[in-house]
């Protein structure tokens, strides 16, 4: 079975991107609250995210990079040979919602990528791989049924007590689910997502009002559902996927505004996780991150 991977990418240092974004931000304090500049910092993570796919998941068919009029810093030969395919927002997103600076909006249109495989992986550009990944890490086939392997150890009450934007939007989505499925055990993760295109198409067909409430927001806020969280749980209702609570193969480092510390990368080497999330690295990580990745990926 063909399996593709999709990355979303933005170079927040691009002057044209900054100019366009600022036209919509203006002095809106609410937008600035939920969209801090750290979210747009770029230290060329995508270059190494793509390399990590080529090294540790060589059986992946295509690598799609979704971006807004930008060319990511990757080997041009990969684009020429169409191992990597650049997808511009305007190719997949309804024009009425463009431009958008909201990752939830972009994610809600991934199923429109031309030629995308039925089962696909999805990463932000700061999520990569650091050890060999097999098909058994992604799905299990039983006769004609395909069950996705979802790593999740989700606790609603822990998330609800946090004050971050991400926790608020996840809580909002949980409360939405509870109205219809009060006993549903929800799942979530913050690393590589394993998605089913047909499920996303069903959501597109049947949840137009819900999707519009997401898509009308050019920036992230906390007054609508988290699309990927919603989609993963809907797919689990349809297909009863395999939920794995063992996090031995996963490492999530939410760095925020922390300055670089060599122990961070030493911990990666020690664990060598299959799935690695390096969330919100800032410019203090630029040189050590690139040196580290050049050596090991």
C-alpha atoms as a PDB file:
ATOM      1  CA  UNK A   1       0.000   0.000   0.000  1.00  0.00           C
ATOM      2  CA  UNK A   2       1.309   3.441  -0.940  1.00  0.00           C
ATOM      3  CA  UNK A   3       1.923   5.737   2.015  1.00  0.00           C
ATOM      4  CA  UNK A   4       2.743   9.457   1.590  1.00  0.00           C
ATOM      5  CA  UNK A   5       3.762  12.095   4.107  1.00  0.00           C
ATOM      6  CA  UNK A   6       2.634  15.721   4.270  1.00  0.00           C
ATOM      7  CA  UNK A   7       4.515  18.600   5.899  1.00  0.00           C
ATOM      8  CA  UNK A   8       3.137  22.076   6.444  1.00  0.00           C
ATOM      9  CA  UNK A   9       5.837  24.732   6.132  1.00  0.00           C
ATOM     10  CA  UNK A  10       6.173  28.441   6.717  1.00  0.00           C
ATOM     11  CA  UNK A  11       9.269  30.621   6.685  1.00  0.00           C
ATOM     12  CA  UNK A  12       8.316  33.257   9.217  1.00  0.00           C
ATOM     13  CA  UNK A  13      11.506  35.193   8.413  1.00  0.00           C
ATOM     14  CA  UNK A  14      10.396  35.884   4.828  1.00  0.00           C
ATOM     15  CA  UNK A  15       9.842  39.682   4.431  1.00  0.00           C
ATOM     16  CA  UNK A  16       6.923  39.143   2.034  1.00  0.00           C
ATOM     17  CA  UNK A  17       5.268  36.761   4.459  1.00  0.00           C
ATOM     18  CA  UNK A  18       5.770  39.168   7.375  1.00  0.00           C
ATOM     19  CA  UNK A  19       4.354  42.070   5.358  1.00  0.00           C
ATOM     20  CA  UNK A  20       1.289  40.065   4.345  1.00  0.00           C
ATOM     21  CA  UNK A  21       0.708  38.746   7.876  1.00  0.00           C
ATOM     22  CA  UNK A  22       1.008  42.214   9.405  1.00  0.00           C
ATOM     23  CA  UNK A  23      -1.736  43.524   7.115  1.00  0.00           C
ATOM     24  CA  UNK A  24      -4.139  41.287   9.026  1.00  0.00           C
ATOM     25  CA  UNK A  25      -2.580  41.374  12.494  1.00  0.00           C
ATOM     26  CA  UNK A  26      -2.462  45.176  12.832  1.00  0.00           C
ATOM     27  CA  UNK A  27      -2.788  45.931  16.547  1.00  0.00           C
ATOM     28  CA  UNK A  28      -5.098  43.095  17.443  1.00  0.00           C
ATOM     29  CA  UNK A  29      -3.964  41.957  20.904  1.00  0.00           C
ATOM     30  CA  UNK A  30      -6.082  38.790  20.737  1.00  0.00           C
ATOM     31  CA  UNK A  31      -4.294  37.625  17.589  1.00  0.00           C
ATOM     32  CA  UNK A  32      -0.901  38.366  19.114  1.00  0.00           C
ATOM     33  CA  UNK A  33      -1.853  36.436  22.253  1.00  0.00           C
ATOM     34  CA  UNK A  34      -2.631  33.216  20.384  1.00  0.00           C
ATOM     35  CA  UNK A  35      -0.008  33.666  17.664  1.00  0.00           C
ATOM     36  CA  UNK A  36       3.278  34.623  19.352  1.00  0.00           C
ATOM     37  CA  UNK A  37       6.249  35.265  17.090  1.00  0.00           C
ATOM     38  CA  UNK A  38       7.961  32.072  18.284  1.00  0.00           C
ATOM     39  CA  UNK A  39       5.399  30.156  16.194  1.00  0.00           C
ATOM     40  CA  UNK A  40       6.827  31.660  13.010  1.00  0.00           C
ATOM     41  CA  UNK A  41      10.562  31.368  13.748  1.00  0.00           C
ATOM     42  CA  UNK A  42      12.334  29.374  11.049  1.00  0.00           C
ATOM     43  CA  UNK A  43      15.687  27.621  11.503  1.00  0.00           C
ATOM     44  CA  UNK A  44      15.381  25.368   8.431  1.00  0.00           C
ATOM     45  CA  UNK A  45      13.827  22.469  10.310  1.00  0.00           C
ATOM     46  CA  UNK A  46      12.089  21.313   7.110  1.00  0.00           C
ATOM     47  CA  UNK A  47      15.443  20.504   5.494  1.00  0.00           C
ATOM     48  CA  UNK A  48      16.184  17.920   8.168  1.00  0.00           C
ATOM     49  CA  UNK A  49      12.591  16.747   8.511  1.00  0.00           C
ATOM     50  CA  UNK A  50      12.668  15.720   4.837  1.00  0.00           C
ATOM     51  CA  UNK A  51      16.098  14.117   5.244  1.00  0.00           C
ATOM     52  CA  UNK A  52      14.799  12.149   8.220  1.00  0.00           C
ATOM     53  CA  UNK A  53      12.026  10.697   6.047  1.00  0.00           C
ATOM     54  CA  UNK A  54      14.502   9.659   3.357  1.00  0.00           C
ATOM     55  CA  UNK A  55      16.804   8.054   5.918  1.00  0.00           C
ATOM     56  CA  UNK A  56      14.382   6.394   8.320  1.00  0.00           C
ATOM     57  CA  UNK A  57      11.253   5.780   6.183  1.00  0.00           C
ATOM     58  CA  UNK A  58      12.706   5.069   2.717  1.00  0.00           C
ATOM     59  CA  UNK A  59       9.518   3.237   1.704  1.00  0.00           C
ATOM     60  CA  UNK A  60       7.456   6.465   1.799  1.00  0.00           C
ATOM     61  CA  UNK A  61       6.182   7.110  -1.747  1.00  0.00           C
ATOM     62  CA  UNK A  62       5.861  10.919  -1.909  1.00  0.00           C
ATOM     63  CA  UNK A  63       6.695  13.845   0.354  1.00  0.00           C
ATOM     64  CA  UNK A  64       4.250  16.748   0.011  1.00  0.00           C
ATOM     65  CA  UNK A  65       5.119  20.167   1.441  1.00  0.00           C
ATOM     66  CA  UNK A  66       2.194  22.573   1.807  1.00  0.00           C
ATOM     67  CA  UNK A  67       3.212  26.227   1.868  1.00  0.00           C
ATOM     68  CA  UNK A  68       2.182  29.743   0.862  1.00  0.00           C
ATOM     69  CA  UNK A  69       4.220  30.995  -2.123  1.00  0.00           C
ATOM     70  CA  UNK A  70       7.469  29.799  -0.522  1.00  0.00           C
ATOM     71  CA  UNK A  71      10.177  27.360  -1.600  1.00  0.00           C
ATOM     72  CA  UNK A  72      11.547  25.326   1.321  1.00  0.00           C
ATOM     73  CA  UNK A  73      15.348  24.894   1.632  1.00  0.00           C
ATOM     74  CA  UNK A  74      15.612  21.317   0.427  1.00  0.00           C
ATOM     75  CA  UNK A  75      17.638  19.531  -2.251  1.00  0.00           C
ATOM     76  CA  UNK A  76      16.334  20.759  -5.624  1.00  0.00           C
ATOM     77  CA  UNK A  77      16.887  17.307  -7.118  1.00  0.00           C
ATOM     78  CA  UNK A  78      14.146  15.976  -4.832  1.00  0.00           C
ATOM     79  CA  UNK A  79      11.722  18.422  -6.437  1.00  0.00           C
ATOM     80  CA  UNK A  80      12.949  17.708  -9.982  1.00  0.00           C
ATOM     81  CA  UNK A  81      12.463  13.955  -9.502  1.00  0.00           C
ATOM     82  CA  UNK A  82       9.106  14.625  -7.776  1.00  0.00           C
ATOM     83  CA  UNK A  83      10.049  12.726  -4.647  1.00  0.00           C
ATOM     84  CA  UNK A  84       9.098  16.026  -2.986  1.00  0.00           C
ATOM     85  CA  UNK A  85       6.094  17.928  -4.331  1.00  0.00           C
ATOM     86  CA  UNK A  86       5.436  21.526  -3.299  1.00  0.00           C
ATOM     87  CA  UNK A  87       1.741  22.310  -2.827  1.00  0.00           C
ATOM     88  CA  UNK A  88       0.714  25.967  -2.644  1.00  0.00           C
ATOM     89  CA  UNK A  89      -2.233  26.978  -0.460  1.00  0.00           C
ATOM     90  CA  UNK A  90      -4.205  28.160  -3.472  1.00  0.00           C
ATOM     91  CA  UNK A  91      -4.092  24.639  -4.966  1.00  0.00           C
ATOM     92  CA  UNK A  92      -6.090  23.102  -2.131  1.00  0.00           C
ATOM     93  CA  UNK A  93      -7.754  25.865  -0.060  1.00  0.00           C
ATOM     94  CA  UNK A  94     -11.006  27.577  -1.022  1.00  0.00           C
ATOM     95  CA  UNK A  95     -10.179  31.084  -2.201  1.00  0.00           C
ATOM     96  CA  UNK A  96     -12.674  32.703   0.200  1.00  0.00           C
ATOM     97  CA  UNK A  97     -10.428  31.704   3.132  1.00  0.00           C
ATOM     98  CA  UNK A  98      -7.141  32.950   1.635  1.00  0.00           C
ATOM     99  CA  UNK A  99      -4.722  34.126   2.764  1.00  0.00           C
ATOM    100  CA  UNK A 100      -4.673  32.138   5.982  1.00  0.00           C
ATOM    101  CA  UNK A 101      -2.116  32.027   8.770  1.00  0.00           C
ATOM    102  CA  UNK A 102      -4.057  29.436  10.728  1.00  0.00           C
ATOM    103  CA  UNK A 103      -2.644  25.905  10.830  1.00  0.00           C
ATOM    104  CA  UNK A 104      -6.109  24.491  11.596  1.00  0.00           C
ATOM    105  CA  UNK A 105      -7.464  25.923   8.359  1.00  0.00           C
ATOM    106  CA  UNK A 106      -4.580  24.517   6.311  1.00  0.00           C
ATOM    107  CA  UNK A 107      -4.927  21.098   7.944  1.00  0.00           C
ATOM    108  CA  UNK A 108      -8.641  21.001   7.153  1.00  0.00           C
ATOM    109  CA  UNK A 109      -7.771  20.988   3.427  1.00  0.00           C
ATOM    110  CA  UNK A 110      -4.989  18.373   3.305  1.00  0.00           C
ATOM    111  CA  UNK A 111      -7.325  15.802   1.731  1.00  0.00           C
ATOM    112  CA  UNK A 112      -7.445  18.032  -1.390  1.00  0.00           C
ATOM    113  CA  UNK A 113      -3.766  17.395  -2.203  1.00  0.00           C
ATOM    114  CA  UNK A 114      -3.738  15.873  -5.723  1.00  0.00           C
ATOM    115  CA  UNK A 115      -2.712  12.209  -5.742  1.00  0.00           C
ATOM    116  CA  UNK A 116      -2.410  11.904  -1.950  1.00  0.00           C
ATOM    117  CA  UNK A 117      -2.471   8.326  -0.657  1.00  0.00           C
ATOM    118  CA  UNK A 118      -5.451   7.008   1.326  1.00  0.00           C
ATOM    119  CA  UNK A 119      -3.341   6.508   4.462  1.00  0.00           C
ATOM    120  CA  UNK A 120      -0.790   9.275   5.013  1.00  0.00           C
ATOM    121  CA  UNK A 121       1.425  10.753   7.693  1.00  0.00           C
ATOM    122  CA  UNK A 122       1.218  14.400   8.657  1.00  0.00           C
ATOM    123  CA  UNK A 123       3.897  16.526  10.346  1.00  0.00           C
ATOM    124  CA  UNK A 124       4.525  20.159  11.058  1.00  0.00           C
ATOM    125  CA  UNK A 125       8.023  21.129   9.893  1.00  0.00           C
ATOM    126  CA  UNK A 126       9.411  20.789  13.443  1.00  0.00           C
ATOM    127  CA  UNK A 127       8.437  17.119  13.666  1.00  0.00           C
ATOM    128  CA  UNK A 128      10.881  14.544  12.300  1.00  0.00           C
ATOM    129  CA  UNK A 129      12.144  11.001  12.678  1.00  0.00           C
ATOM    130  CA  UNK A 130      15.276   9.719  14.398  1.00  0.00           C
ATOM    131  CA  UNK A 131      15.113   5.956  14.023  1.00  0.00           C
ATOM    132  CA  UNK A 132      13.925   3.374  11.506  1.00  0.00           C
ATOM    133  CA  UNK A 133      10.166   3.169  11.056  1.00  0.00           C
ATOM    134  CA  UNK A 134       8.390   0.185   9.538  1.00  0.00           C
ATOM    135  CA  UNK A 135       4.853  -0.201   8.242  1.00  0.00           C
ATOM    136  CA  UNK A 136       4.056  -2.073  11.462  1.00  0.00           C
ATOM    137  CA  UNK A 137       4.584   1.225  13.295  1.00  0.00           C
ATOM    138  CA  UNK A 138       1.873   2.855  11.178  1.00  0.00           C
ATOM    139  CA  UNK A 139      -0.965   0.388  10.590  1.00  0.00           C
ATOM    140  CA  UNK A 140      -2.159  -3.198  10.901  1.00  0.00           C
ATOM    141  CA  UNK A 141      -4.034  -5.040   8.163  1.00  0.00           C
ATOM    142  CA  UNK A 142      -6.558  -7.685   9.189  1.00  0.00           C
ATOM    143  CA  UNK A 143      -8.286  -9.190   6.143  1.00  0.00           C
ATOM    144  CA  UNK A 144      -9.733  -6.103   4.418  1.00  0.00           C
ATOM    145  CA  UNK A 145      -9.667  -3.879   7.509  1.00  0.00           C
ATOM    146  CA  UNK A 146      -6.855  -1.360   8.006  1.00  0.00           C
ATOM    147  CA  UNK A 147      -6.358  -0.187  11.593  1.00  0.00           C
ATOM    148  CA  UNK A 148      -4.135   2.823  12.195  1.00  0.00           C
ATOM    149  CA  UNK A 149      -1.714   2.739  15.118  1.00  0.00           C
ATOM    150  CA  UNK A 150      -2.292   5.867  17.180  1.00  0.00           C
ATOM    151  CA  UNK A 151       0.039   6.677  20.073  1.00  0.00           C
ATOM    152  CA  UNK A 152      -1.998   8.491  22.691  1.00  0.00           C
ATOM    153  CA  UNK A 153      -2.141   8.760  26.469  1.00  0.00           C
ATOM    154  CA  UNK A 154      -4.651  11.597  26.665  1.00  0.00           C
ATOM    155  CA  UNK A 155      -6.119  12.972  29.898  1.00  0.00           C
ATOM    156  CA  UNK A 156      -8.886  15.537  29.466  1.00  0.00           C
ATOM    157  CA  UNK A 157      -8.645  16.925  32.999  1.00  0.00           C
ATOM    158  CA  UNK A 158      -4.899  17.480  32.814  1.00  0.00           C
ATOM    159  CA  UNK A 159      -5.296  19.399  29.556  1.00  0.00           C
ATOM    160  CA  UNK A 160      -8.282  21.378  30.851  1.00  0.00           C
ATOM    161  CA  UNK A 161      -6.223  22.725  33.777  1.00  0.00           C
ATOM    162  CA  UNK A 162      -3.548  24.160  31.499  1.00  0.00           C
ATOM    163  CA  UNK A 163      -3.705  27.750  30.274  1.00  0.00           C
ATOM    164  CA  UNK A 164      -2.000  27.421  26.871  1.00  0.00           C
ATOM    165  CA  UNK A 165      -3.772  28.123  23.586  1.00  0.00           C
ATOM    166  CA  UNK A 166      -3.366  24.506  22.504  1.00  0.00           C
ATOM    167  CA  UNK A 167      -4.951  23.185  25.701  1.00  0.00           C
ATOM    168  CA  UNK A 168      -7.884  25.609  25.355  1.00  0.00           C
ATOM    169  CA  UNK A 169      -8.696  24.570  21.802  1.00  0.00           C
ATOM    170  CA  UNK A 170      -8.348  20.871  22.691  1.00  0.00           C
ATOM    171  CA  UNK A 171     -10.675  21.407  25.664  1.00  0.00           C
ATOM    172  CA  UNK A 172     -13.139  23.200  23.383  1.00  0.00           C
ATOM    173  CA  UNK A 173     -13.076  20.190  21.027  1.00  0.00           C
ATOM    174  CA  UNK A 174     -13.498  17.727  23.898  1.00  0.00           C
ATOM    175  CA  UNK A 175     -16.554  19.595  25.144  1.00  0.00           C
ATOM    176  CA  UNK A 176     -17.978  19.527  21.603  1.00  0.00           C
ATOM    177  CA  UNK A 177     -17.548  15.733  21.477  1.00  0.00           C
ATOM    178  CA  UNK A 178     -19.081  15.238  24.918  1.00  0.00           C
ATOM    179  CA  UNK A 179     -22.383  16.721  23.712  1.00  0.00           C
ATOM    180  CA  UNK A 180     -22.798  13.868  21.211  1.00  0.00           C
ATOM    181  CA  UNK A 181     -20.565  11.108  22.622  1.00  0.00           C
ATOM    182  CA  UNK A 182     -20.560  11.614  26.429  1.00  0.00           C
ATOM    183  CA  UNK A 183     -18.794   8.309  27.092  1.00  0.00           C
ATOM    184  CA  UNK A 184     -16.295   8.527  24.248  1.00  0.00           C
ATOM    185  CA  UNK A 185     -12.675   7.969  25.258  1.00  0.00           C
ATOM    186  CA  UNK A 186     -10.802  10.660  23.306  1.00  0.00           C
ATOM    187  CA  UNK A 187      -7.287  10.368  21.905  1.00  0.00           C
ATOM    188  CA  UNK A 188      -4.683  12.974  20.993  1.00  0.00           C
ATOM    189  CA  UNK A 189      -0.940  13.399  20.393  1.00  0.00           C
ATOM    190  CA  UNK A 190       1.541  16.131  19.516  1.00  0.00           C
ATOM    191  CA  UNK A 191       3.854  14.276  17.130  1.00  0.00           C
ATOM    192  CA  UNK A 192       3.378  12.488  13.796  1.00  0.00           C
ATOM    193  CA  UNK A 193      -0.296  12.120  12.866  1.00  0.00           C
ATOM    194  CA  UNK A 194      -1.531   9.073  10.939  1.00  0.00           C
ATOM    195  CA  UNK A 195      -4.584  10.053   8.887  1.00  0.00           C
ATOM    196  CA  UNK A 196      -7.105   8.483   6.527  1.00  0.00           C
ATOM    197  CA  UNK A 197      -8.066  10.604   3.504  1.00  0.00           C
ATOM    198  CA  UNK A 198     -11.520   9.081   3.105  1.00  0.00           C
ATOM    199  CA  UNK A 199     -12.420  10.097   6.670  1.00  0.00           C
ATOM    200  CA  UNK A 200     -11.323  13.684   6.006  1.00  0.00           C
ATOM    201  CA  UNK A 201     -13.525  13.718   2.908  1.00  0.00           C
ATOM    202  CA  UNK A 202     -16.515  12.517   4.928  1.00  0.00           C
ATOM    203  CA  UNK A 203     -15.925  15.361   7.398  1.00  0.00           C
ATOM    204  CA  UNK A 204     -15.712  17.797   4.469  1.00  0.00           C
ATOM    205  CA  UNK A 205     -19.029  16.548   3.101  1.00  0.00           C
ATOM    206  CA  UNK A 206     -21.002  16.394   6.339  1.00  0.00           C
ATOM    207  CA  UNK A 207     -19.580  19.147   8.564  1.00  0.00           C
ATOM    208  CA  UNK A 208     -19.649  22.292   6.422  1.00  0.00           C
ATOM    209  CA  UNK A 209     -20.930  24.557   9.219  1.00  0.00           C
ATOM    210  CA  UNK A 210     -18.332  23.269  11.658  1.00  0.00           C
ATOM    211  CA  UNK A 211     -15.562  23.700   9.093  1.00  0.00           C
ATOM    212  CA  UNK A 212     -16.625  27.239   8.251  1.00  0.00           C
ATOM    213  CA  UNK A 213     -16.329  28.166  11.939  1.00  0.00           C
ATOM    214  CA  UNK A 214     -12.678  27.083  11.735  1.00  0.00           C
ATOM    215  CA  UNK A 215     -11.859  28.460   8.314  1.00  0.00           C
ATOM    216  CA  UNK A 216     -13.173  31.991   8.795  1.00  0.00           C
ATOM    217  CA  UNK A 217     -10.354  32.575  11.339  1.00  0.00           C
ATOM    218  CA  UNK A 218      -7.203  33.776   9.582  1.00  0.00           C
ATOM    219  CA  UNK A 219      -5.227  33.213  12.782  1.00  0.00           C
ATOM    220  CA  UNK A 220      -5.420  30.650  15.552  1.00  0.00           C
ATOM    221  CA  UNK A 221      -7.789  31.281  18.451  1.00  0.00           C
ATOM    222  CA  UNK A 222      -9.619  29.112  20.977  1.00  0.00           C
ATOM    223  CA  UNK A 223     -13.259  29.471  19.911  1.00  0.00           C
ATOM    224  CA  UNK A 224     -13.492  26.558  17.477  1.00  0.00           C
ATOM    225  CA  UNK A 225     -12.496  22.898  17.334  1.00  0.00           C
ATOM    226  CA  UNK A 226      -8.997  21.608  16.702  1.00  0.00           C
ATOM    227  CA  UNK A 227      -9.392  20.025  13.275  1.00  0.00           C
ATOM    228  CA  UNK A 228      -6.765  17.263  13.493  1.00  0.00           C
ATOM    229  CA  UNK A 229      -7.862  16.249  16.998  1.00  0.00           C
ATOM    230  CA  UNK A 230     -11.444  16.095  15.717  1.00  0.00           C
ATOM    231  CA  UNK A 231     -10.486  14.098  12.603  1.00  0.00           C
ATOM    232  CA  UNK A 232      -8.396  11.524  14.478  1.00  0.00           C
ATOM    233  CA  UNK A 233     -11.240  10.815  16.880  1.00  0.00           C
ATOM    234  CA  UNK A 234     -13.853  10.641  14.124  1.00  0.00           C
ATOM    235  CA  UNK A 235     -11.680   8.117  12.279  1.00  0.00           C
ATOM    236  CA  UNK A 236     -11.345   6.099  15.460  1.00  0.00           C
ATOM    237  CA  UNK A 237     -15.139   6.014  15.839  1.00  0.00           C
ATOM    238  CA  UNK A 238     -15.454   4.726  12.267  1.00  0.00           C
ATOM    239  CA  UNK A 239     -12.564   2.264  12.284  1.00  0.00           C
ATOM    240  CA  UNK A 240     -11.682   1.350  15.895  1.00  0.00           C
ATOM    241  CA  UNK A 241      -7.975   1.951  15.466  1.00  0.00           C
ATOM    242  CA  UNK A 242      -5.219   0.548  17.646  1.00  0.00           C
ATOM    243  CA  UNK A 243      -4.496   2.949  20.519  1.00  0.00           C
ATOM    244  CA  UNK A 244      -1.003   2.581  21.976  1.00  0.00           C
ATOM    245  CA  UNK A 245      -0.113   4.206  25.296  1.00  0.00           C
ATOM    246  CA  UNK A 246       3.552   3.168  25.237  1.00  0.00           C
ATOM    247  CA  UNK A 247       5.681   6.251  24.546  1.00  0.00           C
ATOM    248  CA  UNK A 248       9.073   4.538  24.339  1.00  0.00           C
ATOM    249  CA  UNK A 249       9.410   5.385  20.637  1.00  0.00           C
ATOM    250  CA  UNK A 250       8.308   9.009  21.009  1.00  0.00           C
ATOM    251  CA  UNK A 251      10.021  12.159  22.254  1.00  0.00           C
ATOM    252  CA  UNK A 252       8.229  15.488  22.505  1.00  0.00           C
ATOM    253  CA  UNK A 253      10.315  18.515  23.493  1.00  0.00           C
ATOM    254  CA  UNK A 254       8.214  21.656  23.888  1.00  0.00           C
ATOM    255  CA  UNK A 255      11.003  24.206  23.974  1.00  0.00           C
ATOM    256  CA  UNK A 256       9.020  27.426  23.805  1.00  0.00           C
ATOM    257  CA  UNK A 257      11.274  30.322  24.720  1.00  0.00           C
ATOM    258  CA  UNK A 258      13.988  28.196  26.314  1.00  0.00           C
ATOM    259  CA  UNK A 259      17.555  28.909  25.270  1.00  0.00           C
ATOM    260  CA  UNK A 260      19.690  26.159  23.760  1.00  0.00           C
ATOM    261  CA  UNK A 261      21.158  23.645  26.171  1.00  0.00           C
ATOM    262  CA  UNK A 262      23.381  20.823  24.879  1.00  0.00           C
ATOM    263  CA  UNK A 263      21.629  18.366  27.203  1.00  0.00           C
ATOM    264  CA  UNK A 264      18.546  18.674  24.998  1.00  0.00           C
ATOM    265  CA  UNK A 265      20.276  17.059  22.030  1.00  0.00           C
ATOM    266  CA  UNK A 266      22.170  14.623  24.262  1.00  0.00           C
ATOM    267  CA  UNK A 267      18.819  13.323  25.492  1.00  0.00           C
ATOM    268  CA  UNK A 268      17.755  12.704  21.874  1.00  0.00           C
ATOM    269  CA  UNK A 269      20.906  10.672  21.212  1.00  0.00           C
ATOM    270  CA  UNK A 270      20.360   8.686  24.367  1.00  0.00           C
ATOM    271  CA  UNK A 271      16.774   7.739  23.528  1.00  0.00           C
ATOM    272  CA  UNK A 272      16.924   7.693  19.698  1.00  0.00           C
ATOM    273  CA  UNK A 273      13.141   7.957  19.341  1.00  0.00           C
ATOM    274  CA  UNK A 274      11.327   6.982  16.164  1.00  0.00           C
ATOM    275  CA  UNK A 275       9.068  10.038  16.386  1.00  0.00           C
ATOM    276  CA  UNK A 276      10.626  13.336  17.456  1.00  0.00           C
ATOM    277  CA  UNK A 277       8.906  16.689  18.077  1.00  0.00           C
ATOM    278  CA  UNK A 278      11.106  19.783  18.597  1.00  0.00           C
ATOM    279  CA  UNK A 279       8.387  22.320  19.181  1.00  0.00           C
ATOM    280  CA  UNK A 280       9.114  26.082  18.960  1.00  0.00           C
ATOM    281  CA  UNK A 281      12.903  26.247  18.719  1.00  0.00           C
ATOM    282  CA  UNK A 282      14.237  29.799  18.643  1.00  0.00           C
ATOM    283  CA  UNK A 283      17.335  31.359  17.085  1.00  0.00           C
ATOM    284  CA  UNK A 284      19.603  30.192  19.942  1.00  0.00           C
ATOM    285  CA  UNK A 285      19.110  26.672  18.540  1.00  0.00           C
ATOM    286  CA  UNK A 286      20.010  27.573  14.961  1.00  0.00           C
ATOM    287  CA  UNK A 287      23.703  26.643  14.782  1.00  0.00           C
ATOM    288  CA  UNK A 288      23.725  23.724  17.274  1.00  0.00           C
ATOM    289  CA  UNK A 289      20.570  22.263  15.736  1.00  0.00           C
ATOM    290  CA  UNK A 290      22.016  22.340  12.223  1.00  0.00           C
ATOM    291  CA  UNK A 291      25.352  20.901  13.392  1.00  0.00           C
ATOM    292  CA  UNK A 292      23.550  18.127  15.257  1.00  0.00           C
ATOM    293  CA  UNK A 293      21.336  17.231  12.316  1.00  0.00           C
ATOM    294  CA  UNK A 294      24.171  17.365   9.773  1.00  0.00           C
ATOM    295  CA  UNK A 295      26.000  14.788  11.865  1.00  0.00           C
ATOM    296  CA  UNK A 296      23.157  12.385  12.591  1.00  0.00           C
ATOM    297  CA  UNK A 297      20.732  12.950   9.713  1.00  0.00           C
END
